[in-house]
Amino acid sequence: MKEVILIELGMGVDMHGQDITKAAIRAVENAIYHNSLPGLRNIIEKLGGSEMCVNVRLALPCNYDELDLESVKKVFPYGKITVELSQGGMITSNIHMLADKGDISHEMYIVNAAVEVGY
């Protein structure tokens, strides 16, 4: 990405089911769902960019190999999407293991996201 125009931060949690993808999607949605950037494409074109770029940085506490990157990318309606992963986030107790919610342990996963938009 040549120029970053916007950075938004978010956090997502999967309280039951231990699904790292669900927590990551919620973190990205938390970062972007309070924004409306209707003129951003025009700004990028005027600044010399041909395509909007979105770089997603995710801090995951575990299960990198279980993360479905394509599902995370589908959150964005357009743009060239890249995803970077790093250690972070948190695993903590959800106190109650609920088999009917898909729990396999007493853990909940917390993922942090930074979403950079530019060209």
N, C-alpha and C. Protein backbone atom coordinates (compact mmCIF):
# COMPACT_ATOMS: atom_id res chain seq x y z
N MET A 1 0.86 -1.16 0.00
CA MET A 1 0.00 0.00 0.00
C MET A 1 0.91 1.23 0.00
N LYS A 2 0.66 2.11 -0.95
CA LYS A 2 1.47 3.32 -1.09
C LYS A 2 1.14 4.36 -0.02
N GLU A 3 -0.14 4.61 0.21
CA GLU A 3 -0.59 5.60 1.19
C GLU A 3 -1.73 5.04 2.02
N VAL A 4 -1.64 5.20 3.33
CA VAL A 4 -2.73 4.82 4.23
C VAL A 4 -3.55 6.08 4.50
N ILE A 5 -4.87 5.98 4.28
CA ILE A 5 -5.77 7.11 4.49
C ILE A 5 -6.53 6.98 5.81
N LEU A 6 -6.81 5.76 6.21
CA LEU A 6 -7.67 5.52 7.36
C LEU A 6 -7.22 4.26 8.09
N ILE A 7 -7.26 4.31 9.42
CA ILE A 7 -7.01 3.12 10.24
C ILE A 7 -8.14 3.02 11.25
N GLU A 8 -8.77 1.86 11.30
CA GLU A 8 -9.83 1.60 12.27
C GLU A 8 -9.45 0.37 13.09
N LEU A 9 -9.85 0.36 14.36
CA LEU A 9 -9.51 -0.72 15.27
C LEU A 9 -10.76 -1.44 15.75
N GLY A 10 -10.65 -2.74 16.00
CA GLY A 10 -11.79 -3.48 16.48
C GLY A 10 -11.39 -4.68 17.31
N MET A 11 -12.36 -5.23 18.01
CA MET A 11 -12.16 -6.42 18.83
C MET A 11 -13.35 -7.35 18.60
N GLY A 12 -13.06 -8.63 18.50
CA GLY A 12 -14.12 -9.62 18.33
C GLY A 12 -13.93 -10.80 19.26
N VAL A 13 -15.04 -11.35 19.71
CA VAL A 13 -15.00 -12.45 20.67
C VAL A 13 -15.88 -13.60 20.19
N ASP A 14 -15.39 -14.82 20.34
CA ASP A 14 -16.25 -15.99 20.23
C ASP A 14 -16.32 -16.58 21.63
N MET A 15 -17.46 -16.36 22.30
CA MET A 15 -17.61 -16.79 23.69
C MET A 15 -17.85 -18.29 23.82
N HIS A 16 -18.49 -18.88 22.83
CA HIS A 16 -18.78 -20.31 22.88
C HIS A 16 -18.51 -20.93 21.52
N GLY A 17 -17.80 -22.04 21.52
CA GLY A 17 -17.53 -22.75 20.28
C GLY A 17 -16.07 -22.74 19.88
N GLN A 18 -15.28 -21.85 20.47
CA GLN A 18 -13.84 -21.78 20.21
C GLN A 18 -13.54 -21.69 18.71
N ASP A 19 -14.21 -20.76 18.03
CA ASP A 19 -14.05 -20.57 16.58
C ASP A 19 -13.26 -19.29 16.34
N ILE A 20 -12.00 -19.43 15.98
CA ILE A 20 -11.12 -18.28 15.78
C ILE A 20 -11.56 -17.44 14.59
N THR A 21 -12.14 -18.05 13.57
CA THR A 21 -12.63 -17.31 12.41
C THR A 21 -13.80 -16.42 12.81
N LYS A 22 -14.71 -16.93 13.60
CA LYS A 22 -15.85 -16.13 14.05
C LYS A 22 -15.37 -14.91 14.85
N ALA A 23 -14.39 -15.11 15.73
CA ALA A 23 -13.86 -14.00 16.51
C ALA A 23 -13.15 -12.98 15.61
N ALA A 24 -12.41 -13.44 14.61
CA ALA A 24 -11.71 -12.55 13.68
C ALA A 24 -12.70 -11.74 12.84
N ILE A 25 -13.74 -12.37 12.34
CA ILE A 25 -14.75 -11.66 11.56
C ILE A 25 -15.42 -10.60 12.43
N ARG A 26 -15.73 -10.93 13.65
CA ARG A 26 -16.36 -9.95 14.55
C ARG A 26 -15.42 -8.78 14.83
N ALA A 27 -14.12 -9.04 14.94
CA ALA A 27 -13.16 -7.96 15.17
C ALA A 27 -13.11 -7.01 13.97
N VAL A 28 -13.09 -7.57 12.77
CA VAL A 28 -13.07 -6.75 11.55
C VAL A 28 -14.38 -5.97 11.42
N GLU A 29 -15.49 -6.63 11.65
CA GLU A 29 -16.79 -5.94 11.58
C GLU A 29 -16.86 -4.82 12.60
N ASN A 30 -16.36 -5.06 13.80
CA ASN A 30 -16.34 -4.04 14.84
C ASN A 30 -15.52 -2.83 14.40
N ALA A 31 -14.45 -3.07 13.67
CA ALA A 31 -13.60 -1.98 13.21
C ALA A 31 -14.26 -1.15 12.11
N ILE A 32 -15.02 -1.77 11.23
CA ILE A 32 -15.50 -1.02 10.05
C ILE A 32 -16.98 -0.67 10.06
N TYR A 33 -17.79 -1.32 10.87
CA TYR A 33 -19.24 -1.15 10.74
C TYR A 33 -19.78 0.18 11.24
N HIS A 34 -18.96 1.01 11.82
CA HIS A 34 -19.42 2.32 12.26
C HIS A 34 -18.96 3.41 11.31
N ASN A 35 -18.58 3.03 10.10
CA ASN A 35 -18.04 3.98 9.13
C ASN A 35 -18.84 3.96 7.84
N SER A 36 -18.89 5.11 7.23
CA SER A 36 -19.39 5.22 5.87
C SER A 36 -18.44 6.15 5.14
N LEU A 37 -17.83 5.63 4.10
CA LEU A 37 -16.82 6.39 3.36
C LEU A 37 -17.21 6.50 1.89
N PRO A 38 -18.33 7.17 1.61
CA PRO A 38 -18.86 7.16 0.25
C PRO A 38 -17.95 7.80 -0.79
N GLY A 39 -17.12 8.74 -0.41
CA GLY A 39 -16.27 9.42 -1.38
C GLY A 39 -14.85 8.89 -1.45
N LEU A 40 -14.56 7.82 -0.73
CA LEU A 40 -13.19 7.34 -0.65
C LEU A 40 -12.65 6.89 -2.01
N ARG A 41 -13.46 6.22 -2.79
CA ARG A 41 -12.99 5.78 -4.12
C ARG A 41 -12.58 6.98 -4.97
N ASN A 42 -13.39 8.04 -4.94
CA ASN A 42 -13.05 9.24 -5.71
C ASN A 42 -11.76 9.89 -5.22
N ILE A 43 -11.59 9.93 -3.91
CA ILE A 43 -10.36 10.50 -3.34
C ILE A 43 -9.14 9.70 -3.78
N ILE A 44 -9.24 8.39 -3.72
CA ILE A 44 -8.12 7.53 -4.11
C ILE A 44 -7.77 7.75 -5.58
N GLU A 45 -8.78 7.85 -6.45
CA GLU A 45 -8.52 8.10 -7.87
C GLU A 45 -7.86 9.45 -8.08
N LYS A 46 -8.31 10.49 -7.38
CA LYS A 46 -7.72 11.82 -7.51
C LYS A 46 -6.28 11.86 -7.01
N LEU A 47 -5.96 11.03 -6.04
CA LEU A 47 -4.60 10.97 -5.50
C LEU A 47 -3.68 10.09 -6.34
N GLY A 48 -4.20 9.50 -7.37
CA GLY A 48 -3.38 8.70 -8.27
C GLY A 48 -3.45 7.21 -8.05
N GLY A 49 -4.29 6.77 -7.13
CA GLY A 49 -4.43 5.33 -6.89
C GLY A 49 -5.45 4.74 -7.84
N SER A 50 -5.21 3.55 -8.31
CA SER A 50 -6.15 2.91 -9.23
C SER A 50 -7.12 1.99 -8.51
N GLU A 51 -6.78 1.58 -7.29
CA GLU A 51 -7.63 0.63 -6.58
C GLU A 51 -7.51 0.86 -5.08
N MET A 52 -8.63 0.76 -4.39
CA MET A 52 -8.60 0.85 -2.94
C MET A 52 -7.95 -0.42 -2.39
N CYS A 53 -7.06 -0.24 -1.43
CA CYS A 53 -6.40 -1.36 -0.77
C CYS A 53 -6.83 -1.40 0.69
N VAL A 54 -7.02 -2.59 1.19
CA VAL A 54 -7.39 -2.80 2.58
C VAL A 54 -6.41 -3.81 3.17
N ASN A 55 -5.69 -3.39 4.19
CA ASN A 55 -4.80 -4.30 4.89
C ASN A 55 -5.37 -4.57 6.27
N VAL A 56 -5.62 -5.83 6.55
CA VAL A 56 -6.19 -6.24 7.82
C VAL A 56 -5.09 -6.88 8.64
N ARG A 57 -4.86 -6.35 9.83
CA ARG A 57 -3.90 -6.94 10.76
C ARG A 57 -4.68 -7.57 11.90
N LEU A 58 -4.49 -8.86 12.09
CA LEU A 58 -5.22 -9.58 13.13
C LEU A 58 -4.24 -10.12 14.16
N ALA A 59 -4.54 -9.87 15.44
CA ALA A 59 -3.77 -10.43 16.54
C ALA A 59 -4.59 -11.58 17.12
N LEU A 60 -4.10 -12.80 16.88
CA LEU A 60 -4.81 -14.02 17.27
C LEU A 60 -4.12 -14.68 18.45
N PRO A 61 -4.90 -15.21 19.39
CA PRO A 61 -4.29 -15.90 20.52
C PRO A 61 -3.88 -17.35 20.21
N CYS A 62 -4.42 -17.92 19.11
CA CYS A 62 -4.17 -19.33 18.84
C CYS A 62 -4.75 -19.71 17.48
N ASN A 63 -4.57 -20.96 17.11
CA ASN A 63 -5.25 -21.59 15.98
C ASN A 63 -5.09 -20.86 14.64
N TYR A 64 -3.90 -20.41 14.35
CA TYR A 64 -3.65 -19.76 13.07
C TYR A 64 -4.09 -20.64 11.91
N ASP A 65 -3.82 -21.92 12.01
CA ASP A 65 -4.12 -22.84 10.91
C ASP A 65 -5.61 -23.07 10.72
N GLU A 66 -6.43 -22.71 11.72
CA GLU A 66 -7.88 -22.88 11.61
C GLU A 66 -8.58 -21.63 11.11
N LEU A 67 -7.86 -20.52 10.96
CA LEU A 67 -8.47 -19.27 10.50
C LEU A 67 -8.80 -19.37 9.02
N ASP A 68 -10.04 -19.07 8.67
CA ASP A 68 -10.50 -19.07 7.28
C ASP A 68 -10.33 -17.65 6.73
N LEU A 69 -9.19 -17.41 6.08
CA LEU A 69 -8.88 -16.08 5.55
C LEU A 69 -9.90 -15.59 4.54
N GLU A 70 -10.41 -16.47 3.71
CA GLU A 70 -11.38 -16.06 2.69
C GLU A 70 -12.66 -15.54 3.33
N SER A 71 -13.08 -16.15 4.43
CA SER A 71 -14.28 -15.66 5.13
C SER A 71 -14.04 -14.28 5.72
N VAL A 72 -12.85 -14.05 6.24
CA VAL A 72 -12.52 -12.72 6.77
C VAL A 72 -12.53 -11.69 5.64
N LYS A 73 -11.96 -12.02 4.51
CA LYS A 73 -11.90 -11.10 3.36
C LYS A 73 -13.29 -10.76 2.83
N LYS A 74 -14.23 -11.68 2.94
CA LYS A 74 -15.59 -11.46 2.42
C LYS A 74 -16.34 -10.37 3.18
N VAL A 75 -15.85 -9.97 4.34
CA VAL A 75 -16.49 -8.90 5.10
C VAL A 75 -16.46 -7.59 4.31
N PHE A 76 -15.44 -7.41 3.48
CA PHE A 76 -15.26 -6.15 2.74
C PHE A 76 -15.96 -6.20 1.39
N PRO A 77 -16.73 -5.17 1.06
CA PRO A 77 -17.50 -5.18 -0.19
C PRO A 77 -16.64 -5.00 -1.44
N TYR A 78 -15.49 -4.36 -1.31
CA TYR A 78 -14.61 -4.16 -2.46
C TYR A 78 -13.22 -3.80 -1.99
N GLY A 79 -12.29 -3.76 -2.93
CA GLY A 79 -10.91 -3.42 -2.63
C GLY A 79 -10.00 -4.63 -2.73
N LYS A 80 -8.72 -4.35 -2.80
CA LYS A 80 -7.69 -5.38 -2.79
C LYS A 80 -7.37 -5.66 -1.32
N ILE A 81 -7.71 -6.86 -0.85
CA ILE A 81 -7.65 -7.19 0.57
C ILE A 81 -6.42 -8.05 0.87
N THR A 82 -5.63 -7.63 1.85
CA THR A 82 -4.54 -8.45 2.36
C THR A 82 -4.76 -8.63 3.87
N VAL A 83 -4.26 -9.74 4.38
CA VAL A 83 -4.42 -10.04 5.81
C VAL A 83 -3.06 -10.42 6.37
N GLU A 84 -2.69 -9.79 7.49
CA GLU A 84 -1.47 -10.12 8.21
C GLU A 84 -1.86 -10.67 9.58
N LEU A 85 -1.16 -11.71 10.01
CA LEU A 85 -1.46 -12.34 11.30
C LEU A 85 -0.29 -12.16 12.25
N SER A 86 -0.62 -11.96 13.53
CA SER A 86 0.41 -11.91 14.56
C SER A 86 -0.14 -12.50 15.84
N GLN A 87 0.76 -12.82 16.75
CA GLN A 87 0.33 -13.31 18.06
C GLN A 87 -0.26 -12.16 18.85
N GLY A 88 -1.29 -12.46 19.60
CA GLY A 88 -1.92 -11.43 20.41
C GLY A 88 -3.29 -11.90 20.85
N GLY A 89 -4.19 -10.94 21.04
CA GLY A 89 -5.52 -11.30 21.48
C GLY A 89 -5.48 -11.92 22.86
N MET A 90 -6.44 -12.76 23.14
CA MET A 90 -6.51 -13.36 24.47
C MET A 90 -7.38 -14.61 24.44
N ILE A 91 -7.03 -15.53 25.30
CA ILE A 91 -7.90 -16.65 25.63
C ILE A 91 -8.22 -16.50 27.11
N THR A 92 -9.49 -16.54 27.43
CA THR A 92 -9.90 -16.45 28.82
C THR A 92 -11.06 -17.39 29.06
N SER A 93 -11.45 -17.55 30.29
CA SER A 93 -12.51 -18.49 30.62
C SER A 93 -13.88 -17.88 30.36
N ASN A 94 -14.78 -18.69 29.82
CA ASN A 94 -16.17 -18.27 29.68
C ASN A 94 -17.01 -18.81 30.84
N ILE A 95 -16.36 -19.42 31.81
CA ILE A 95 -16.93 -19.96 33.04
C ILE A 95 -17.80 -21.21 32.78
N HIS A 96 -18.75 -21.12 31.85
CA HIS A 96 -19.68 -22.23 31.64
C HIS A 96 -19.42 -22.88 30.29
N MET A 97 -19.19 -24.16 30.30
CA MET A 97 -19.05 -24.91 29.06
C MET A 97 -20.45 -25.35 28.62
N LEU A 98 -20.87 -24.90 27.44
CA LEU A 98 -22.20 -25.21 26.94
C LEU A 98 -22.08 -26.06 25.68
N ALA A 99 -22.32 -27.34 25.84
CA ALA A 99 -22.19 -28.26 24.71
C ALA A 99 -23.15 -27.90 23.58
N ASP A 100 -24.35 -27.40 23.91
CA ASP A 100 -25.31 -27.05 22.87
C ASP A 100 -24.87 -25.83 22.06
N LYS A 101 -23.87 -25.08 22.54
CA LYS A 101 -23.31 -23.94 21.80
C LYS A 101 -22.01 -24.33 21.09
N GLY A 102 -21.67 -25.61 21.14
CA GLY A 102 -20.48 -26.08 20.44
C GLY A 102 -19.20 -26.01 21.25
N ASP A 103 -19.29 -25.72 22.53
CA ASP A 103 -18.08 -25.63 23.35
C ASP A 103 -17.37 -26.97 23.44
N ILE A 104 -16.07 -26.92 23.32
CA ILE A 104 -15.23 -28.08 23.57
C ILE A 104 -14.32 -27.82 24.77
N SER A 105 -14.41 -26.59 25.32
CA SER A 105 -13.64 -26.22 26.51
C SER A 105 -14.34 -25.04 27.19
N HIS A 106 -13.73 -24.55 28.25
CA HIS A 106 -14.26 -23.39 28.98
C HIS A 106 -13.61 -22.10 28.48
N GLU A 107 -13.09 -22.09 27.26
CA GLU A 107 -12.35 -20.94 26.76
C GLU A 107 -13.19 -20.09 25.82
N MET A 108 -12.91 -18.77 25.84
CA MET A 108 -13.41 -17.87 24.80
C MET A 108 -12.20 -17.22 24.15
N TYR A 109 -12.34 -16.95 22.84
CA TYR A 109 -11.24 -16.38 22.06
C TYR A 109 -11.53 -14.91 21.77
N ILE A 110 -10.50 -14.08 21.97
CA ILE A 110 -10.61 -12.65 21.70
C ILE A 110 -9.55 -12.31 20.66
N VAL A 111 -9.97 -11.65 19.58
CA VAL A 111 -9.10 -11.26 18.49
C VAL A 111 -9.13 -9.74 18.35
N ASN A 112 -7.99 -9.12 18.13
CA ASN A 112 -7.90 -7.68 17.87
C ASN A 112 -7.63 -7.47 16.38
N ALA A 113 -8.20 -6.39 15.85
CA ALA A 113 -8.01 -6.08 14.42
C ALA A 113 -7.64 -4.62 14.23
N ALA A 114 -6.75 -4.38 13.29
CA ALA A 114 -6.47 -3.03 12.79
C ALA A 114 -6.70 -3.10 11.29
N VAL A 115 -7.58 -2.24 10.79
CA VAL A 115 -7.91 -2.24 9.37
C VAL A 115 -7.40 -0.94 8.77
N GLU A 116 -6.47 -1.06 7.82
CA GLU A 116 -5.89 0.09 7.14
C GLU A 116 -6.49 0.18 5.75
N VAL A 117 -6.91 1.38 5.37
CA VAL A 117 -7.49 1.61 4.05
C VAL A 117 -6.67 2.68 3.35
N GLY A 118 -6.35 2.44 2.10
CA GLY A 118 -5.58 3.39 1.32
C GLY A 118 -5.49 2.96 -0.11
N TYR A 119 -4.38 3.29 -0.75
CA TYR A 119 -4.18 2.91 -2.16
C TYR A 119 -2.72 2.58 -2.40
